Protein backbone atom coordinates (compact mmCIF):
# COMPACT_ATOMS: atom_id res chain seq x y z
CA THR A 1 19.21 -12.03 -18.33
CA PHE A 2 21.55 -9.28 -19.48
CA ALA A 3 21.78 -10.93 -22.91
CA SER A 4 18.02 -11.02 -23.23
CA LEU A 5 17.67 -7.49 -22.20
CA THR A 6 20.35 -6.26 -24.65
CA ILE A 7 18.57 -8.11 -27.48
CA ALA A 8 15.28 -6.48 -26.52
CA ALA A 9 16.96 -2.95 -26.40
CA ILE A 10 18.59 -3.59 -29.84
CA ALA A 11 15.25 -4.84 -31.35
CA VAL A 12 13.55 -1.59 -30.24
CA LEU A 13 16.28 0.57 -31.37
CA ALA A 14 16.19 -1.09 -34.87
CA ALA A 15 12.40 -0.75 -35.06
CA GLY A 16 12.75 2.91 -34.20
CA LEU A 17 15.48 3.45 -36.92
CA LEU A 18 13.38 1.62 -39.51
CA SER A 19 10.40 3.76 -38.61
CA TYR A 20 12.34 6.95 -38.69
CA PHE A 21 14.59 6.38 -41.75
CA GLY A 22 13.03 3.42 -43.47
CA ASN A 23 10.41 2.82 -46.14
CA PRO A 24 6.87 3.63 -44.80
CA ASP A 25 5.49 0.60 -46.70
CA LEU A 26 7.38 -1.62 -44.25
CA PHE A 27 4.71 -0.61 -41.49
CA ALA A 28 1.73 -0.50 -43.83
CA GLU A 29 0.27 -3.78 -42.60
CA PHE A 30 0.39 -2.43 -39.05
CA VAL A 31 -1.24 0.87 -39.75
CA GLN A 32 -4.94 1.34 -38.88
CA PRO A 33 -7.09 4.52 -39.22
CA GLY A 34 -6.19 6.94 -36.45
CA ILE A 35 -2.71 5.64 -35.86
CA ASP A 36 0.31 6.59 -38.01
CA LEU A 37 3.38 4.35 -37.26
CA THR A 38 5.44 6.37 -39.72
CA SER A 39 5.19 9.57 -37.91
CA PRO A 40 8.76 10.99 -36.82
CA GLY A 41 7.83 10.95 -33.14
CA PHE A 42 6.95 7.20 -33.16
CA GLY A 43 10.33 6.23 -34.39
CA LEU A 44 12.21 8.85 -32.39
CA TRP A 45 10.86 7.66 -28.99
CA LEU A 46 11.63 4.05 -29.80
CA VAL A 47 15.24 5.19 -30.80
CA ILE A 48 15.48 7.05 -27.48
CA SER A 49 14.26 4.20 -25.31
CA GLY A 50 16.36 1.69 -27.08
CA CYS A 51 19.51 3.86 -26.64
CA LEU A 52 18.84 4.47 -23.04
CA SER A 53 18.35 0.73 -22.45
CA LEU A 54 21.63 -0.08 -24.15
CA LEU A 55 23.38 2.54 -21.97
CA VAL A 56 21.97 0.78 -18.91
CA MET A 57 23.26 -2.58 -20.19
CA MET A 58 26.73 -1.01 -20.80
CA ALA A 59 26.74 0.14 -17.25
CA ALA A 60 25.84 -3.25 -15.99
CA ALA A 61 28.57 -4.89 -18.09
CA ILE A 62 31.24 -2.30 -17.00
CA VAL A 63 30.32 -3.09 -13.26
CA SER A 64 30.45 -6.75 -13.88
CA TRP A 65 33.82 -6.46 -15.62
CA ARG A 66 35.32 -4.28 -12.85
CA HIS A 67 33.82 -6.18 -10.01
CA LYS A 68 32.89 -2.83 -8.52
CA ASP A 69 29.43 -1.78 -7.89
CA PRO A 70 28.95 1.88 -6.65
CA ALA A 71 25.66 2.20 -4.93
CA LEU A 72 23.28 4.98 -6.24
CA GLY A 73 20.88 5.17 -3.36
CA GLN A 74 19.27 1.68 -3.22
CA LEU A 75 20.41 0.88 -6.92
CA PHE A 76 23.08 -1.57 -7.78
CA TRP A 77 24.02 -2.03 -11.41
CA SER A 78 25.06 -5.68 -10.88
CA ARG A 79 21.59 -6.68 -9.58
CA PRO A 80 19.86 -8.53 -12.49
CA ASP A 81 16.37 -7.77 -11.06
CA GLN A 82 17.15 -4.09 -10.73
CA VAL A 83 18.66 -3.78 -14.14
CA THR A 84 15.60 -5.69 -15.59
CA ALA A 85 13.35 -3.30 -13.87
CA ILE A 86 15.21 -0.33 -15.36
CA VAL A 87 15.32 -1.67 -18.94
CA LEU A 88 11.70 -2.80 -18.93
CA THR A 89 10.54 0.47 -17.54
CA VAL A 90 12.45 2.48 -20.02
CA LEU A 91 11.23 0.27 -23.02
CA TYR A 92 7.56 0.42 -21.81
CA ALA A 93 7.68 4.15 -21.36
CA GLY A 94 9.26 4.64 -24.78
CA LEU A 95 6.55 2.45 -26.41
CA ASN A 96 3.75 4.29 -24.68
CA LEU A 97 5.25 7.74 -25.70
CA ALA A 98 5.69 6.43 -29.30
CA ILE A 99 2.04 5.21 -29.46
CA SER A 100 0.84 8.56 -28.18
CA THR A 101 2.63 10.47 -30.78
CA ALA A 102 1.36 7.97 -33.48
CA ILE A 103 -2.39 8.60 -32.59
CA THR A 104 -3.82 11.00 -35.15
CA ASP A 105 -7.51 10.67 -34.33
CA PRO A 106 -8.69 11.00 -30.77
CA VAL A 107 -11.52 8.56 -31.57
CA ILE A 108 -9.00 5.74 -31.54
CA LEU A 109 -8.64 6.28 -27.80
CA THR A 110 -12.24 5.29 -27.43
CA GLU A 111 -11.62 2.04 -29.14
CA MET A 112 -8.45 1.25 -27.23
CA ALA A 113 -10.21 1.85 -23.90
CA GLY A 114 -13.33 0.11 -25.04
CA GLU A 115 -11.45 -3.10 -25.92
CA VAL A 116 -10.53 -3.78 -22.24
CA ASP A 117 -13.21 -5.49 -20.22
CA ILE A 118 -13.19 -6.68 -16.56
CA PRO A 119 -11.59 -10.14 -17.06
CA GLU A 120 -8.91 -8.80 -19.24
CA LEU A 121 -8.24 -5.91 -16.80
CA ALA A 122 -7.85 -8.36 -13.93
CA GLY A 123 -5.43 -10.56 -16.04
CA GLN A 124 -3.30 -7.44 -16.87
CA TYR A 125 -3.06 -6.35 -13.25
CA ALA A 126 -2.53 -9.97 -12.05
CA ILE A 127 0.57 -10.05 -14.14
CA LEU A 128 1.87 -6.75 -12.56
CA VAL A 129 1.35 -8.21 -9.15
CA THR A 130 3.01 -11.43 -9.98
CA LEU A 131 6.08 -9.58 -11.52
CA SER A 132 6.23 -7.46 -8.37
CA PHE A 133 6.37 -10.43 -5.95
CA LEU A 134 8.91 -12.28 -8.11
CA GLY A 135 10.91 -9.10 -8.64
CA VAL A 136 11.59 -8.52 -5.01
CA GLY A 137 12.72 -12.26 -4.48
CA LEU A 138 9.57 -14.25 -3.29
CA GLY A 139 10.84 -17.81 -3.09
CA ILE A 140 14.38 -16.84 -3.95
CA ARG A 141 15.79 -14.68 -1.25
CA ARG A 142 12.64 -13.83 0.66
CA ASN A 143 9.90 -15.89 2.24
CA TRP A 144 6.28 -14.75 2.18
CA PRO A 145 6.30 -12.60 5.36
CA GLU A 146 9.54 -10.90 4.23
CA THR A 147 8.18 -10.20 0.80
CA LEU A 148 4.97 -8.58 2.19
CA LYS A 149 7.07 -6.47 4.33
CA ARG A 150 9.45 -5.55 1.46
CA LEU A 151 6.42 -4.46 -0.66
CA GLY A 152 4.92 -2.49 2.19
CA LEU A 153 1.70 -4.67 2.31
CA ARG A 154 0.34 -4.78 5.85
CA ARG A 155 -2.87 -4.38 7.75
CA ILE A 156 -4.38 -0.89 8.01
CA GLY A 157 -6.24 0.50 10.86
CA LEU A 158 -8.93 3.21 11.44
CA ILE A 159 -6.33 5.97 11.08
CA GLU A 160 -5.09 4.78 7.61
CA ILE A 161 -8.70 4.54 6.57
CA ILE A 162 -9.55 8.03 7.53
CA VAL A 163 -6.41 9.53 6.15
CA GLY A 164 -6.80 7.37 2.87
CA GLY A 165 -10.24 8.51 2.31
CA ALA A 166 -9.46 12.14 2.90
CA ALA A 167 -6.40 11.86 0.55
CA ALA A 168 -8.40 10.25 -2.11
CA PHE A 169 -11.04 12.90 -2.18
CA GLY A 170 -8.39 15.56 -1.98
CA MET A 171 -6.58 13.94 -4.95
CA VAL A 172 -9.91 14.02 -6.86
CA ILE A 173 -10.16 17.76 -6.32
CA VAL A 174 -6.58 18.37 -7.26
CA SER A 175 -7.07 16.19 -10.41
CA ILE A 176 -10.12 18.19 -11.43
CA ILE A 177 -8.50 21.52 -10.92
CA MET A 178 -5.24 20.60 -12.62
CA GLY A 179 -7.17 18.79 -15.41
CA GLY A 180 -9.24 21.99 -16.03
CA VAL A 181 -5.97 24.13 -16.14
CA VAL A 182 -4.34 21.69 -18.59
CA MET A 183 -7.30 21.81 -20.92
CA LEU A 184 -7.34 25.59 -20.82
CA LEU A 185 -3.77 25.61 -21.74
CA PHE A 186 -3.94 22.79 -24.23
CA PRO A 187 -7.55 22.84 -25.64
CA ASP A 188 -6.72 20.11 -28.21
CA SER A 189 -6.37 17.65 -25.24
CA LEU A 190 -10.17 17.93 -24.40
CA ALA A 191 -11.10 15.80 -27.37
CA GLU A 192 -8.57 13.14 -26.08
CA VAL A 193 -9.85 13.17 -22.63
CA GLU A 194 -13.53 12.81 -23.89
CA SER A 195 -12.62 10.02 -26.29
CA PHE A 196 -10.78 8.09 -23.61
CA ASN A 197 -13.58 8.65 -21.11
CA GLN A 198 -16.19 7.30 -23.53
CA GLY A 199 -14.06 4.21 -24.14
CA MET A 200 -13.85 3.54 -20.36
CA LEU A 201 -17.57 3.93 -19.90
CA LEU A 202 -18.36 1.26 -22.53
CA ASN A 203 -17.14 -1.54 -20.26
CA PHE A 204 -17.04 0.25 -16.82
CA GLY A 205 -19.97 2.53 -17.10
CA SER A 206 -21.71 1.21 -14.02
CA PRO A 207 -21.18 1.50 -10.22
CA LEU A 208 -19.88 -2.12 -10.22
CA GLY A 209 -17.69 -1.61 -13.15
CA ALA A 210 -16.24 1.62 -11.57
CA ILE A 211 -15.45 -0.26 -8.24
CA ALA A 212 -13.76 -3.17 -10.33
CA LEU A 213 -11.64 -0.64 -12.29
CA GLY A 214 -10.66 1.20 -9.10
CA LEU A 215 -9.78 -1.93 -7.19
CA PHE A 216 -7.86 -3.70 -9.93
CA SER A 217 -5.90 -0.63 -10.78
CA GLY A 218 -5.23 0.22 -7.26
CA ILE A 219 -3.80 -3.21 -6.38
CA GLY A 220 -1.90 -3.82 -9.55
CA GLU A 221 -0.33 -0.40 -9.92
CA GLU A 222 0.33 0.28 -6.38
CA VAL A 223 1.97 -3.12 -5.66
CA LEU A 224 4.22 -2.49 -8.61
CA TYR A 225 5.17 1.18 -8.46
CA ARG A 226 4.90 2.04 -4.84
CA GLY A 227 5.43 -1.42 -3.54
CA ALA A 228 8.28 -2.85 -5.70
CA LEU A 229 9.86 0.16 -7.42
CA GLN A 230 9.70 3.07 -5.02
CA PRO A 231 11.92 1.69 -2.20
CA VAL A 232 14.70 1.39 -4.96
CA PHE A 233 14.15 4.48 -7.13
CA GLY A 234 12.57 6.93 -4.73
CA ILE A 235 9.33 8.87 -4.90
CA PHE A 236 10.29 11.30 -7.67
CA ILE A 237 11.61 8.85 -10.27
CA THR A 238 8.84 6.27 -9.44
CA SER A 239 6.19 9.04 -9.95
CA LEU A 240 7.88 9.89 -13.22
CA VAL A 241 7.80 6.51 -14.36
CA PHE A 242 4.16 6.11 -13.30
CA ALA A 243 3.20 9.10 -15.40
CA LEU A 244 5.14 7.99 -18.49
CA HIS A 245 3.56 4.58 -18.38
CA HIS A 246 0.15 6.40 -18.72
CA SER A 247 1.27 8.58 -21.63
CA GLN A 248 -0.59 6.74 -24.30
CA TYR A 249 -3.75 8.56 -23.04
CA VAL A 250 -3.40 12.34 -22.87
CA ASN A 251 0.09 13.83 -23.04
CA PRO A 252 -0.62 17.15 -21.48
CA GLY A 253 -2.27 15.30 -18.58
CA LEU A 254 1.03 13.72 -17.60
CA LEU A 255 1.61 16.47 -15.16
CA VAL A 256 -1.61 15.63 -13.29
CA ILE A 257 -0.56 12.00 -13.23
CA PHE A 258 2.75 12.89 -11.98
CA VAL A 259 1.40 14.82 -9.15
CA ILE A 260 -0.99 12.13 -8.34
CA GLY A 261 1.96 9.62 -8.22
CA LEU A 262 3.91 11.95 -5.83
CA LEU A 263 0.85 11.88 -3.50
CA LEU A 264 0.50 8.15 -3.71
CA GLY A 265 4.30 7.95 -3.00
CA LEU A 266 3.84 9.92 0.19
CA MET A 267 1.01 7.63 1.27
CA ARG A 268 3.31 4.63 0.67
CA LYS A 269 6.26 6.16 2.70
CA TYR A 270 4.25 7.16 5.69
CA PHE A 271 1.22 4.65 5.75
CA GLY A 272 2.41 1.73 3.65
CA THR A 273 1.40 0.22 0.36
CA THR A 274 -1.96 -1.01 1.46
CA ALA A 275 -2.90 2.44 2.38
CA ALA A 276 -1.72 3.68 -1.09
CA ILE A 277 -3.94 0.97 -2.63
CA LEU A 278 -7.04 2.25 -0.81
CA VAL A 279 -6.34 5.72 -1.90
CA HIS A 280 -5.72 4.78 -5.54
CA ALA A 281 -8.77 2.54 -5.56
CA LEU A 282 -11.07 5.24 -4.17
CA TYR A 283 -9.54 7.98 -6.48
CA ASN A 284 -10.09 6.04 -9.60
CA THR A 285 -13.62 4.81 -8.55
CA VAL A 286 -14.85 8.34 -7.72
CA LEU A 287 -13.39 9.80 -10.92
CA LEU A 288 -15.16 7.23 -12.97
CA LEU A 289 -18.45 7.62 -11.14
CA LEU A 290 -18.20 11.37 -11.72
CA SER A 291 -17.64 10.69 -15.39
CA LEU A 292 -20.60 8.35 -15.42
CA ALA A 293 -22.85 10.96 -13.68
CA ALA A 294 -21.73 13.58 -16.10
CA ALA A 295 -22.62 11.35 -19.04
CA GLN A 296 -26.08 10.95 -17.75
CA PHE A 297 -26.71 14.71 -18.14
CA VAL A 298 -25.16 15.11 -21.68
């Protein structure tokens, strides 16, 4: 496991160095209108994520060599599953940041979002759920009930439904207000937001599509971030990772996503992951329905 992760980190680092210092012609076949893989930011983020991943692997190697594993909260460097989670998280965040800096035309966001349909979306989030269950040890060190307990998946009652519904609509208001402030401070981001919304409406521009998007994203992301990662890395770090993993959309909007992640983290802490799924699903569904309603009047 450690060898594979080290190879992946070196590969990302090498790609970043080639992009930053190498011949632009090397990436010519991967370039498409609206995306510039030769931009300095693209290579720089790959280099940063590759270096950070290698530092994690060095820490894991030192711990294994010294046979001492100081606990940092719930984190243990000798645990292959936790080291894997850290490295893949860093590499994925670095790739998203790199892609976001390489996008030169906001219209490309419409194409990227429009390429995802309901079956593909379901498949993507099914992978996240599978990784979450395997990552916490289903069939290895935990049976089914123990795995559900570890992920915070449990039945919810009337209290959770009421609190979850109120939290979801509160998050919608917070998101709209913060989004408006972000667009006032960063007016260039408005074109990115509109382009991404147009892409999402291509395949999810109906009430059924909005519900499907909300449900799939709520289940997949909450089981992974709040269910699997938060008990180990805490609310703050998990929310930061959650935001960085959405950075391919709108960079100034990362603060909004980070705050939403904090609120979802609190739901997971006090009411469980199932309640967080409900809140996330309602939040995404309502936002998309509002976008759909707004599009009808344009």
